[in-house]
Every structure is written in C-alpha cells, then in structure tokens.
Amino acid sequence: MDASKNNSSRSNCCRLRGELESLRTTVERIHKQVAELQQQNNKLQQQNNKLQSEIDRLKKEREETEKNSKRQTTRFPRRQRKTEPKKPGRKKGTPATHRDRPAKVDREIDVPVEGCPDCCCAVENIEVHRQFQTDLPPVTPVITQFNVQVGTCPHCGKRVQGRHPEQISDALGAAGNLIGPNAQSMAAGLKHHAGLSYAKITNFLFDSFQLKTVASTFVRAGQRLAKRAKPTFELLKSQLRLEHVVHADETGWRIGILSDWLWVFSSQQITVYQVGGGRGHDVPLEILGDDFQGILISDGLASYDPLPYLKGRCLGHVLARISKLELAIPDRNLWDLQTLKNLLQEAMHLARRREMLTAKGYRRRVQELENRLNFWILLNEEHRQSEIARLAGHLQKHRHEWFMFLYDPLVPPTNNHAERMIRPAVILRKLGGCNKTPAGAKVHSVLASLIVSCRQQGKRFLDLAGQLFHARARIAIPLAALPGG
C-alpha cells in the first residue's frame, strides 16, 4: 500500500516537473517574442518619427508656398549655402574672350610720357601701345517742326493734307506734339523685353537724354505700335508653322486679378508668345494650326496630348523626376531608378557621338537602347513602389516620344530652348506684375514676339519699328527684309 502511494507521488512529481519545464520553455519563448516585438516597435517608432518630421517639413513648405503665391515676387528658395559651390567666372578650358579691335577709329589722341615720376628723369626706349575706348556721345533730343500744308480740292471739296516720309502721324493741333519713332521703339523694347515699368522708362529717358515724357504716352504708343505690327505678327506665326522643330512651354500669368497663362512657341529663328487663352490644347492648335508638319518638343503637359503633331518629350524633366524620387523612396528601390537614369544619360551621350559612329553601328546602338527601355518599362509597370510604377506608366504612355532625338539630328533631347525663351517672361512677371487688361496682354504678345525674333535673326527691333511707324497702311514686314543679320 505504501509502495503504491510512493509510486503515485513519484509519477505526479515527474508530471509536474515536465509541466514546469514546458511552462519555462513557453515563458522563454514569449519573452523572446516580446523582445522581438519591442525591437520592431522601436524601429516603427523611429520610422514614424521620420515620417512625422517629413510631414511637418512638407506642411511648412506648403504654407510657405501658399504665402509666397500671394506675393508679387517670391523669396529666394535656397535656405542654406552649398557645401561645394561652383567657382565663379570662366571655366577651365573655355577660350578667353575679349573685345575685337575696332575697324574704324574716329579720332586719335597722343599720350606722351612726362618723365619718371620718382626721379624726374627723361624716359628712354619709348614704345607706343594702342588703347581703344568705345563710348556713346552726348545725346540730346532732336526736335523737328513739320510745316504741314492743308488745302481743299476745288473740284470735290475734299480736305487734303501733306505728309512727309519722316512723319509717323497726321495729327495736328493739340495732338501734334509727338514722341518720335526711335524713342517709342526704345521704350517698347525696355518694357516688353527688359521688363522695366513705364515710370522707370520715363526717368531713364530724362536722365540719359533730357527727354521729358509721361508714362501714359508710351502706353498709348505701345498700343498703336502693336496694331501696326499685327500683320507682321501673323506673318511670324505662319513662318513658325513651317519650321522643322518647335519648342513649347508655358508659365503662370495674371491679367488684372484673374489667373491665366503665358505660352511660348520657339524655333531657332522665330519665337511667338501668347498671353491668355487658358491652358488647354486649343492655344497651341491656334498658334501652329492644323497642318503643322514639324516636330513639337514639350515638357509633358497633358494639353499637348490631343494635338495631331509629331511630338518629342524632354528627358531633362524625367531625370529631374528621378532625382526627386531617389530622395523619397527606400534605398532598396534605388537600383531601378539608377538603371533608368543611366539609360537616359547614355542615350543623350549617344546622340552627341552620332557623327563619330558608322550608320550601321549607330542604328544598332539605338535599337539596343530602345530594347532596354522597353524591358525597364515592362519590368516596373507593376512595381511594388507606386511612384516607380507611375513613372513606368508615364514612359509607356508616350513611348515613341522619348527617343525622337536619336532619329533626327535636329531634335534635341531636352526642352531647354523653350526654358531659355520663357525665362525673360518670368523675370518680367516678377518685375512688372504681368498685365492689367486683356488689351495689354495682346500688346505684350505681339511686341515681345517681334523683339525676341529680331534678336534671334540678328536684326534690330528699332529698324522694324521704324518701318512700321512710317508705313501708311498696316502691312506685314518680313524680318528677313530688315538690314543686318
């Protein structure tokens, strides 16, 4: 009896010992899991803090952007100095530039050596060196009085008035005191290209030439000049439609209190600005027409998609988008972006080496790049990172527009030309506050287009404006017919 009780007690102890060991193992496993979960929680907490900091930063930037959008001019965007800024001045290897020796000298002045200023002795071994100084002579306004004869026809009774070729108007009486075409043309250039206000222009003309004027004079003069130049502006648009490559870009603009857009359409010889009309595809369709046979290069605005033109896209904007994504996505996905960046940069480098390769070798390299881009898009269209997947979808949507520059040597890989052409308008927007009325917007579209196009073709806007002022009727004047160039 006692033996059976001992056996039962021993078995119970063994069972309890086993259960205790099992519980100890379970507790250790739970402790281990708790430690792992705590570690994961710490990591998630760190990531949450980083995300919260990024959210706070983005909110602050958004508030700053909204605040700046209500200002006429925005603040400088850079908050910190660059750690390794570019050295100013001429870059190493760039040829030095200097003023050419003038072909004509109007006057000569001998500059003798007076002697040594320290020893008061005569100087020996004298050599003569030439120095040239080009300056503007003192300019004073030239006032011309036209003694205009006015009479009546004895046959029909019609009033007949004489007109000299140098006159720009038939106005007499109180309106017969005019500002000449050179001053008006200069004011138009300073306003619509340099971005000066009419008040600053009047001050400049008085300080430099003692020419007294008021701002309203140049406002009305600009309107009259734009009306005279309208046929030439239309001729400019018709010539732009014949260009092989046209770059397009747009930027925000204001007409009075309303928000609108300023468009630029530019080739190497012609630039046309269009203020107003919204941001739809009807604006480029109006400028380029239905029968445009060239290639339109743009940044990627959706308004260009419905246009029935052959189009090319700017790779610079794609590379900028990749650079932004590299700062926003996890490191494990950077390889996909770096692959695409290397591919696009390799394509741009190949276009620069076009003349160094044989035609067969160049075509083979182009086809290789096309295949690699197709493979990258196919591989990343369903990427786990949504930003990369959207980028791949964007590349696929405009697949045949990215490498247009590889097939046509006149097509550049970027839209930098349009960026440069629209830059003066952006500066003018900051300085002058855009346009107050739709009529002023039309004046700026016409005159800014003619001024920039003249500069592109090596012509003087003053010559064009002079012909427009002296023409009896509104006629279209081809820029190629102007002197110079």
Protein backbone atom coordinates (compact mmCIF):
# COMPACT_ATOMS: atom_id res chain seq x y z
CA MET A 1 0.00 0.00 0.00
CA ASP A 2 2.79 2.36 0.95
CA ALA A 3 4.72 1.37 -2.18
CA SER A 4 1.81 2.22 -4.47
CA LYS A 5 1.44 5.61 -2.80
CA ASN A 6 5.12 6.31 -3.30
CA ASN A 7 4.92 5.38 -6.97
CA SER A 8 1.88 7.64 -7.40
CA SER A 9 3.66 10.56 -5.71
CA ARG A 10 6.76 10.00 -7.83
CA SER A 11 4.72 9.99 -11.05
CA ASN A 12 2.94 13.17 -10.00
CA CYS A 13 6.26 14.86 -9.32
CA CYS A 14 7.58 13.82 -12.72
CA ARG A 15 4.46 15.09 -14.40
CA LEU A 16 4.62 18.41 -12.53
CA ARG A 17 8.32 18.70 -13.33
CA GLY A 18 7.57 18.20 -17.03
CA GLU A 19 4.76 20.73 -16.98
CA LEU A 20 7.02 23.20 -15.18
CA GLU A 21 9.73 22.68 -17.80
CA SER A 22 7.18 23.18 -20.56
CA LEU A 23 5.94 26.37 -18.91
CA ARG A 24 9.52 27.60 -18.52
CA THR A 25 10.14 26.99 -22.25
CA THR A 26 6.89 28.77 -23.12
CA VAL A 27 7.79 31.73 -20.93
CA GLU A 28 11.24 31.99 -22.53
CA ARG A 29 9.66 31.85 -25.98
CA ILE A 30 7.17 34.57 -25.01
CA HIS A 31 9.97 36.71 -23.59
CA LYS A 32 11.88 36.29 -26.84
CA GLN A 33 8.82 37.23 -28.89
CA VAL A 34 8.22 40.23 -26.65
CA ALA A 35 11.82 41.34 -27.16
CA GLU A 36 11.47 40.98 -30.95
CA LEU A 37 8.18 42.86 -30.94
CA GLN A 38 9.72 45.56 -28.79
CA GLN A 39 12.59 45.86 -31.27
CA GLN A 40 10.14 46.07 -34.17
CA ASN A 41 8.12 48.64 -32.27
CA ASN A 42 11.23 50.75 -31.75
CA LYS A 43 12.01 50.61 -35.48
CA LEU A 44 8.42 51.52 -36.34
CA GLN A 45 8.56 54.35 -33.84
CA GLN A 46 11.73 55.69 -35.47
CA GLN A 47 10.16 55.43 -38.92
CA ASN A 48 7.04 57.14 -37.61
CA ASN A 49 9.15 59.98 -36.21
CA LYS A 50 10.92 60.38 -39.55
CA LEU A 51 7.61 60.39 -41.42
CA GLN A 52 6.16 62.89 -38.97
CA SER A 53 9.19 65.12 -39.46
CA GLU A 54 8.79 64.86 -43.23
CA ILE A 55 5.09 65.68 -42.93
CA ASP A 56 5.88 68.71 -40.80
CA ARG A 57 8.50 69.82 -43.32
CA LEU A 58 6.09 69.42 -46.25
CA LYS A 59 3.38 71.30 -44.37
CA LYS A 60 5.80 74.11 -43.67
CA GLU A 61 6.86 74.22 -47.34
CA ARG A 62 3.22 74.22 -48.41
CA GLU A 63 2.40 77.08 -46.06
CA GLU A 64 5.45 78.95 -47.34
CA THR A 65 4.39 78.30 -50.94
CA GLU A 66 0.85 79.49 -50.30
CA LYS A 67 2.22 82.57 -48.58
CA ASN A 68 4.59 83.28 -51.48
CA SER A 69 1.85 82.72 -54.06
CA LYS A 70 0.08 85.77 -52.68
CA ARG A 71 3.18 87.89 -53.11
CA GLN A 72 4.17 89.66 -56.30
CA THR A 73 7.67 88.23 -56.06
CA THR A 74 8.73 85.06 -54.30
CA ARG A 75 11.55 84.75 -51.84
CA PHE A 76 14.82 83.07 -52.62
CA PRO A 77 14.12 79.31 -52.41
CA ARG A 78 17.59 78.30 -51.20
CA ARG A 79 17.85 78.37 -47.43
CA GLN A 80 21.43 77.14 -46.99
CA ARG A 81 24.71 77.68 -48.76
CA LYS A 82 26.02 74.88 -50.93
CA THR A 83 28.84 72.88 -49.38
CA GLU A 84 30.78 72.83 -52.66
CA PRO A 85 29.60 75.79 -54.77
CA LYS A 86 30.76 76.18 -58.33
CA LYS A 87 33.67 78.54 -58.82
CA PRO A 88 32.51 81.77 -60.49
CA GLY A 89 33.98 83.05 -63.72
CA ARG A 90 35.26 81.37 -66.83
CA LYS A 91 35.51 77.58 -66.55
CA LYS A 92 38.83 75.84 -67.08
CA GLY A 93 39.42 75.02 -70.76
CA THR A 94 36.98 77.66 -72.03
CA PRO A 95 38.64 80.01 -74.56
CA ALA A 96 39.17 83.53 -73.30
CA THR A 97 37.04 86.27 -74.83
CA HIS A 98 37.96 89.88 -75.49
CA ARG A 99 36.69 92.83 -77.47
CA ASP A 100 37.66 92.84 -81.13
CA ARG A 101 39.87 95.65 -82.35
CA PRO A 102 37.61 98.29 -83.97
CA ALA A 103 37.74 98.51 -87.76
CA LYS A 104 37.22 102.28 -87.69
CA VAL A 105 38.79 104.89 -85.43
CA ASP A 106 37.06 108.26 -85.25
CA ARG A 107 39.81 110.20 -83.50
CA GLU A 108 43.33 109.68 -82.15
CA ILE A 109 44.94 111.22 -79.05
CA ASP A 110 48.66 111.05 -78.36
CA VAL A 111 49.54 110.33 -74.75
CA PRO A 112 53.22 111.29 -74.14
CA VAL A 113 55.32 110.15 -71.22
CA GLU A 114 56.06 113.12 -68.95
CA GLY A 115 59.12 111.52 -67.35
CA CYS A 116 59.80 109.33 -64.36
CA PRO A 117 57.53 110.48 -61.50
CA ASP A 118 60.13 109.41 -58.90
CA CYS A 119 63.44 110.52 -60.43
CA CYS A 120 62.18 113.36 -62.67
CA CYS A 121 64.41 111.99 -65.45
CA ALA A 122 63.60 111.61 -69.15
CA VAL A 123 62.40 108.17 -70.16
CA GLU A 124 64.31 106.12 -72.74
CA ASN A 125 63.34 103.21 -75.04
CA ILE A 126 59.88 104.63 -75.60
CA GLU A 127 57.33 102.36 -77.31
CA VAL A 128 53.83 103.24 -78.43
CA HIS A 129 50.95 100.94 -77.47
CA ARG A 130 47.38 101.36 -78.69
CA GLN A 131 44.36 101.53 -76.42
CA PHE A 132 40.81 101.78 -77.77
CA GLN A 133 37.86 103.31 -75.94
CA THR A 134 34.35 103.00 -77.34
CA ASP A 135 31.72 105.25 -75.82
CA LEU A 136 28.41 106.90 -76.59
CA PRO A 137 28.46 110.60 -77.47
CA PRO A 138 26.24 113.01 -75.55
CA VAL A 139 22.74 112.62 -76.95
CA THR A 140 20.22 115.43 -76.98
CA PRO A 141 16.72 115.20 -78.44
CA VAL A 142 16.28 116.49 -81.99
CA ILE A 143 13.04 118.43 -82.41
CA THR A 144 11.71 118.59 -85.95
CA GLN A 145 9.00 121.02 -86.97
CA PHE A 146 6.90 119.94 -89.94
CA ASN A 147 5.13 122.83 -91.67
CA VAL A 148 2.22 120.81 -93.00
CA GLN A 149 0.21 122.34 -95.81
CA VAL A 150 -3.53 121.70 -95.71
CA GLY A 151 -5.89 122.67 -98.51
CA THR A 152 -9.19 121.92 -100.19
CA CYS A 153 -9.74 120.36 -103.58
CA PRO A 154 -11.70 122.81 -105.76
CA HIS A 155 -13.35 120.01 -107.67
CA CYS A 156 -14.72 117.72 -104.91
CA GLY A 157 -14.19 119.86 -101.83
CA LYS A 158 -12.09 117.19 -100.11
CA ARG A 159 -9.61 118.27 -97.42
CA VAL A 160 -6.07 117.39 -98.48
CA GLN A 161 -3.08 117.33 -96.11
CA GLY A 162 0.59 116.91 -96.94
CA ARG A 163 2.70 114.07 -95.46
CA HIS A 164 6.50 113.88 -95.20
CA PRO A 165 8.19 110.43 -95.19
CA GLU A 166 9.62 111.08 -91.73
CA GLN A 167 6.22 111.78 -90.20
CA ILE A 168 4.60 108.96 -88.23
CA SER A 169 1.17 110.59 -87.77
CA ASP A 170 -1.20 113.06 -89.41
CA ALA A 171 -2.25 114.52 -86.04
CA LEU A 172 -2.30 118.35 -85.80
CA GLY A 173 -3.29 120.90 -83.22
CA ALA A 174 -3.19 119.80 -79.58
CA ALA A 175 -2.23 116.26 -80.64
CA GLY A 176 0.51 117.44 -82.97
CA ASN A 177 3.34 117.31 -80.41
CA LEU A 178 4.60 113.74 -80.79
CA ILE A 179 7.36 111.50 -79.45
CA GLY A 180 9.43 110.18 -82.36
CA PRO A 181 9.69 106.58 -83.55
CA ASN A 182 13.15 105.92 -82.07
CA ALA A 183 12.09 106.89 -78.55
CA GLN A 184 8.86 104.92 -78.84
CA SER A 185 10.67 101.84 -80.14
CA MET A 186 13.27 102.08 -77.37
CA ALA A 187 10.52 102.32 -74.76
CA ALA A 188 8.76 99.27 -76.22
CA GLY A 189 11.97 97.24 -76.02
CA LEU A 190 12.67 98.32 -72.44
CA LYS A 191 9.11 97.44 -71.43
CA HIS A 192 8.38 94.18 -73.23
CA HIS A 193 11.87 92.65 -73.18
CA ALA A 194 13.88 94.22 -70.35
CA GLY A 195 10.84 94.31 -68.06
CA LEU A 196 11.07 97.96 -66.98
CA SER A 197 7.95 99.83 -65.98
CA TYR A 198 6.90 102.87 -67.97
CA ALA A 199 7.66 105.07 -64.97
CA LYS A 200 11.27 103.83 -64.90
CA ILE A 201 11.50 104.26 -68.67
CA THR A 202 10.45 107.89 -68.49
CA ASN A 203 13.03 108.50 -65.75
CA PHE A 204 15.73 106.79 -67.82
CA LEU A 205 14.97 108.87 -70.93
CA PHE A 206 15.06 112.10 -68.94
CA ASP A 207 18.27 111.21 -67.06
CA SER A 208 20.10 109.98 -70.18
CA PHE A 209 18.74 112.21 -72.96
CA GLN A 210 16.86 115.05 -71.24
CA LEU A 211 13.67 113.84 -72.95
CA LYS A 212 10.59 114.76 -70.93
CA THR A 213 7.71 112.29 -71.25
CA VAL A 214 4.96 110.69 -69.19
CA ALA A 215 4.13 107.01 -68.78
CA SER A 216 0.71 107.25 -70.44
CA THR A 217 2.38 108.43 -73.66
CA PHE A 218 4.22 105.13 -74.03
CA VAL A 219 1.15 103.11 -73.03
CA ARG A 220 -0.82 104.50 -75.96
CA ALA A 221 2.24 104.38 -78.23
CA GLY A 222 2.67 100.67 -77.48
CA GLN A 223 -0.97 100.02 -78.34
CA ARG A 224 -0.64 101.83 -81.67
CA LEU A 225 2.60 100.05 -82.49
CA ALA A 226 1.03 96.66 -81.71
CA LYS A 227 -1.85 97.43 -84.08
CA ARG A 228 0.59 98.33 -86.83
CA ALA A 229 2.63 95.19 -86.12
CA LYS A 230 -0.34 92.79 -86.10
CA PRO A 231 0.12 91.74 -89.78
CA THR A 232 3.83 91.15 -89.15
CA PHE A 233 2.94 89.11 -86.07
CA GLU A 234 0.55 86.96 -88.13
CA LEU A 235 3.28 86.51 -90.74
CA LEU A 236 5.62 85.41 -87.94
CA LYS A 237 3.12 82.73 -86.85
CA SER A 238 2.71 81.47 -90.40
CA GLN A 239 6.51 81.20 -90.73
CA LEU A 240 6.71 79.35 -87.40
CA ARG A 241 4.33 76.69 -88.77
CA LEU A 242 6.89 75.92 -91.48
CA GLU A 243 9.72 75.26 -89.00
CA HIS A 244 11.01 71.71 -88.60
CA VAL A 245 11.36 71.79 -84.78
CA VAL A 246 9.28 73.98 -82.46
CA HIS A 247 9.70 74.10 -78.69
CA ALA A 248 6.75 74.92 -76.43
CA ASP A 249 6.43 75.87 -72.79
CA GLU A 250 4.02 77.75 -70.54
CA THR A 251 4.03 79.60 -67.25
CA GLY A 252 1.52 81.27 -64.98
CA TRP A 253 0.41 84.81 -65.79
CA ARG A 254 -2.12 87.28 -64.48
CA ILE A 255 -4.43 89.61 -66.36
CA GLY A 256 -5.78 92.01 -63.80
CA ILE A 257 -6.96 89.92 -60.85
CA LEU A 258 -7.52 86.78 -62.95
CA SER A 259 -5.02 83.94 -63.29
CA ASP A 260 -4.06 82.91 -66.80
CA TRP A 261 -1.09 81.54 -68.74
CA LEU A 262 1.71 82.77 -70.96
CA TRP A 263 2.76 80.37 -73.73
CA VAL A 264 5.94 80.39 -75.78
CA PHE A 265 6.47 78.61 -79.11
CA SER A 266 10.00 78.94 -80.37
CA SER A 267 12.32 77.64 -83.07
CA GLN A 268 15.92 78.66 -83.63
CA GLN A 269 14.81 81.67 -85.70
CA ILE A 270 11.29 82.57 -84.56
CA THR A 271 9.60 82.97 -81.16
CA VAL A 272 5.89 83.61 -80.62
CA TYR A 273 4.39 84.49 -77.23
CA GLN A 274 0.72 84.09 -76.47
CA VAL A 275 -0.80 85.59 -73.31
CA GLY A 276 -4.23 84.37 -72.28
CA GLY A 277 -6.49 81.64 -73.57
CA GLY A 278 -6.15 79.24 -70.65
CA ARG A 279 -4.03 76.10 -70.54
CA GLY A 280 -5.93 73.89 -72.98
CA HIS A 281 -4.79 72.36 -76.25
CA ASP A 282 -6.67 74.99 -78.25
CA VAL A 283 -3.86 77.53 -77.68
CA PRO A 284 -1.06 75.55 -79.39
CA LEU A 285 -3.58 74.49 -82.03
CA GLU A 286 -4.35 78.15 -82.73
CA ILE A 287 -0.67 79.11 -82.97
CA LEU A 288 0.61 76.13 -85.00
CA GLY A 289 -2.56 75.37 -86.97
CA ASP A 290 -3.99 72.05 -88.13
CA ASP A 291 -1.39 71.42 -90.82
CA PHE A 292 1.82 71.75 -88.81
CA GLN A 293 4.24 69.18 -90.23
CA GLY A 294 7.18 69.71 -87.88
CA ILE A 295 8.08 68.20 -84.51
CA LEU A 296 6.75 69.77 -81.31
CA ILE A 297 9.03 69.48 -78.25
CA SER A 298 7.38 69.97 -74.86
CA ASP A 299 7.88 69.27 -71.16
CA GLY A 300 4.97 66.86 -70.89
CA LEU A 301 1.84 68.94 -70.24
CA ALA A 302 -1.28 66.88 -70.91
CA SER A 303 -2.68 69.67 -73.11
CA TYR A 304 -0.26 68.64 -75.87
CA ASP A 305 -1.50 65.03 -75.98
CA PRO A 306 -4.57 65.61 -78.23
CA LEU A 307 -2.56 67.56 -80.80
CA PRO A 308 -2.17 65.73 -84.15
CA TYR A 309 1.55 66.54 -84.42
CA LEU A 310 4.71 64.51 -84.27
CA LYS A 311 5.97 65.17 -80.75
CA GLY A 312 9.10 64.80 -78.68
CA ARG A 313 9.43 64.84 -74.89
CA CYS A 314 12.02 66.47 -72.66
CA LEU A 315 14.33 63.95 -70.99
CA GLY A 316 15.55 66.64 -68.60
CA HIS A 317 12.22 66.62 -66.79
CA VAL A 318 12.31 62.83 -66.48
CA LEU A 319 15.81 62.98 -65.00
CA ALA A 320 14.65 65.65 -62.55
CA ARG A 321 11.70 63.46 -61.57
CA ILE A 322 14.08 60.55 -60.97
CA SER A 323 16.27 62.72 -58.74
CA LYS A 324 13.27 63.65 -56.60
CA LEU A 325 12.18 60.01 -56.32
CA GLU A 326 15.65 58.99 -55.18
CA LEU A 327 15.20 61.19 -52.11
CA ALA A 328 11.70 59.92 -51.32
CA ILE A 329 11.72 56.13 -51.78
CA PRO A 330 13.54 53.40 -49.78
CA ASP A 331 17.13 52.56 -50.62
CA ARG A 332 16.24 49.06 -51.82
CA ASN A 333 14.43 50.56 -54.83
CA LEU A 334 17.19 52.97 -55.86
CA TRP A 335 18.72 50.44 -58.22
CA ASP A 336 15.67 50.58 -60.52
CA LEU A 337 15.85 54.37 -60.72
CA GLN A 338 19.62 54.39 -61.23
CA THR A 339 19.24 51.93 -64.10
CA LEU A 340 16.75 54.21 -65.84
CA LYS A 341 18.88 57.30 -65.22
CA ASN A 342 21.97 55.62 -66.70
CA LEU A 343 19.91 54.51 -69.69
CA LEU A 344 18.62 58.01 -70.47
CA GLN A 345 22.01 59.63 -69.96
CA GLU A 346 23.57 57.02 -72.23
CA ALA A 347 21.01 57.88 -74.93
CA MET A 348 21.85 61.59 -74.68
CA HIS A 349 25.56 60.79 -74.88
CA LEU A 350 24.97 58.61 -77.95
CA ALA A 351 23.22 61.50 -79.73
CA ARG A 352 26.31 63.68 -79.18
CA ARG A 353 28.53 60.94 -80.65
CA ARG A 354 26.36 60.44 -83.73
CA GLU A 355 28.98 61.69 -86.20
CA MET A 356 31.73 59.53 -84.67
CA LEU A 357 29.96 56.24 -85.40
CA THR A 358 29.11 54.45 -88.61
CA ALA A 359 25.48 54.49 -89.70
CA LYS A 360 25.13 50.76 -89.05
CA GLY A 361 26.82 50.93 -85.65
CA TYR A 362 24.68 53.92 -84.64
CA ARG A 363 21.44 52.15 -85.61
CA ARG A 364 22.50 49.09 -83.63
CA ARG A 365 23.15 51.19 -80.52
CA VAL A 366 19.80 52.97 -80.90
CA GLN A 367 17.93 49.68 -81.16
CA GLU A 368 19.75 48.39 -78.10
CA LEU A 369 18.64 51.43 -76.10
CA GLU A 370 15.06 51.03 -77.34
CA ASN A 371 15.03 47.39 -76.21
CA ARG A 372 16.48 48.26 -72.81
CA LEU A 373 13.87 50.97 -72.25
CA ASN A 374 11.07 48.56 -73.25
CA PHE A 375 12.44 45.98 -70.81
CA TRP A 376 12.68 48.52 -67.96
CA ILE A 377 9.07 49.65 -68.53
CA LEU A 378 7.80 46.06 -68.67
CA LEU A 379 9.71 45.18 -65.51
CA ASN A 380 8.49 48.17 -63.48
CA GLU A 381 4.91 48.78 -64.64
CA GLU A 382 3.67 46.79 -61.61
CA HIS A 383 6.44 47.79 -59.23
CA ARG A 384 5.74 47.47 -55.51
CA GLN A 385 6.70 51.14 -55.18
CA SER A 386 3.76 53.11 -56.60
CA GLU A 387 5.90 56.11 -57.65
CA ILE A 388 8.14 53.93 -59.82
CA ALA A 389 5.09 52.18 -61.29
CA ARG A 390 3.56 55.56 -62.22
CA LEU A 391 6.83 56.64 -63.82
CA ALA A 392 6.89 53.44 -65.88
CA GLY A 393 3.28 54.04 -66.92
CA HIS A 394 4.12 57.59 -67.97
CA LEU A 395 7.05 56.37 -70.07
CA GLN A 396 4.87 53.73 -71.70
CA LYS A 397 2.06 56.20 -72.47
CA HIS A 398 4.45 58.38 -74.51
CA ARG A 399 6.77 55.58 -75.53
CA HIS A 400 7.60 56.81 -79.06
CA GLU A 401 8.31 60.40 -77.97
CA TRP A 402 11.28 59.94 -75.64
CA PHE A 403 13.99 58.95 -78.15
CA MET A 404 12.88 61.19 -81.01
CA PHE A 405 16.27 62.95 -80.84
CA LEU A 406 18.07 59.71 -81.71
CA TYR A 407 16.39 59.56 -85.12
CA ASP A 408 16.52 63.25 -86.10
CA PRO A 409 19.78 65.18 -85.53
CA LEU A 410 17.86 68.49 -85.45
CA VAL A 411 15.78 67.37 -82.46
CA PRO A 412 17.42 68.00 -79.05
CA PRO A 413 16.91 65.60 -76.11
CA THR A 414 15.62 68.36 -73.81
CA ASN A 415 13.32 71.36 -73.97
CA ASN A 416 15.97 73.77 -72.71
CA HIS A 417 15.44 76.11 -75.66
CA ALA A 418 11.86 76.84 -74.58
CA GLU A 419 13.04 77.25 -70.99
CA ARG A 420 15.50 79.92 -72.10
CA MET A 421 12.91 81.69 -74.23
CA ILE A 422 10.34 81.81 -71.42
CA ARG A 423 12.85 82.96 -68.82
CA PRO A 424 12.61 86.69 -69.79
CA ALA A 425 8.83 86.46 -69.38
CA VAL A 426 9.24 85.00 -65.88
CA ILE A 427 11.59 87.83 -64.91
CA LEU A 428 9.21 90.38 -66.42
CA ARG A 429 6.36 88.84 -64.41
CA LYS A 430 8.31 89.38 -61.19
CA LEU A 431 9.30 92.94 -62.10
CA GLY A 432 6.19 94.27 -63.78
CA GLY A 433 3.33 92.25 -62.36
CA CYS A 434 2.05 90.89 -65.71
CA ASN A 435 -0.80 92.76 -67.49
CA LYS A 436 -3.71 94.74 -66.12
CA THR A 437 -6.07 94.34 -69.09
CA PRO A 438 -6.64 91.87 -71.96
CA ALA A 439 -5.65 94.67 -74.36
CA GLY A 440 -2.30 94.99 -72.60
CA ALA A 441 -1.83 91.22 -72.82
CA LYS A 442 -2.31 91.34 -76.60
CA VAL A 443 0.16 94.21 -76.91
CA HIS A 444 2.75 92.24 -74.95
CA SER A 445 2.18 89.10 -77.06
CA VAL A 446 2.80 90.99 -80.30
CA LEU A 447 5.72 93.20 -79.31
CA ALA A 448 7.58 90.62 -77.20
CA SER A 449 7.37 88.13 -80.09
CA LEU A 450 8.79 90.62 -82.58
CA ILE A 451 11.56 91.82 -80.24
CA VAL A 452 12.83 88.31 -79.44
CA SER A 453 12.52 87.09 -83.05
CA CYS A 454 14.55 90.07 -84.26
CA ARG A 455 17.29 89.23 -81.79
CA GLN A 456 17.29 85.59 -82.92
CA GLN A 457 17.79 86.62 -86.54
CA GLY A 458 20.39 89.27 -85.80
CA LYS A 459 18.04 92.14 -86.67
CA ARG A 460 17.30 95.37 -84.82
CA PHE A 461 13.81 95.89 -83.49
CA LEU A 462 14.35 99.62 -83.93
CA ASP A 463 14.60 99.12 -87.70
CA LEU A 464 11.40 97.07 -87.78
CA ALA A 465 9.51 99.54 -85.60
CA GLY A 466 10.74 102.42 -87.75
CA GLN A 467 9.31 100.82 -90.88
CA LEU A 468 6.04 100.08 -89.10
CA PHE A 469 5.73 103.68 -87.87
CA HIS A 470 6.40 105.19 -91.29
CA ALA A 471 4.18 102.81 -93.26
CA ARG A 472 0.97 104.45 -94.48
CA ALA A 473 -1.00 101.20 -94.15
CA ARG A 474 -0.79 98.13 -91.92
CA ILE A 475 1.45 95.79 -93.87
CA ALA A 476 3.35 92.64 -92.99
CA ILE A 477 7.12 93.24 -92.97
CA PRO A 478 9.28 90.07 -93.19
CA LEU A 479 12.13 90.14 -90.69
CA ALA A 480 14.44 88.82 -93.40
CA ALA A 481 13.96 92.08 -95.30
CA LEU A 482 15.45 94.13 -92.44
CA PRO A 483 19.11 95.22 -92.61
CA GLY A 484 21.72 93.27 -90.66
CA GLY A 485 21.76 89.59 -89.78
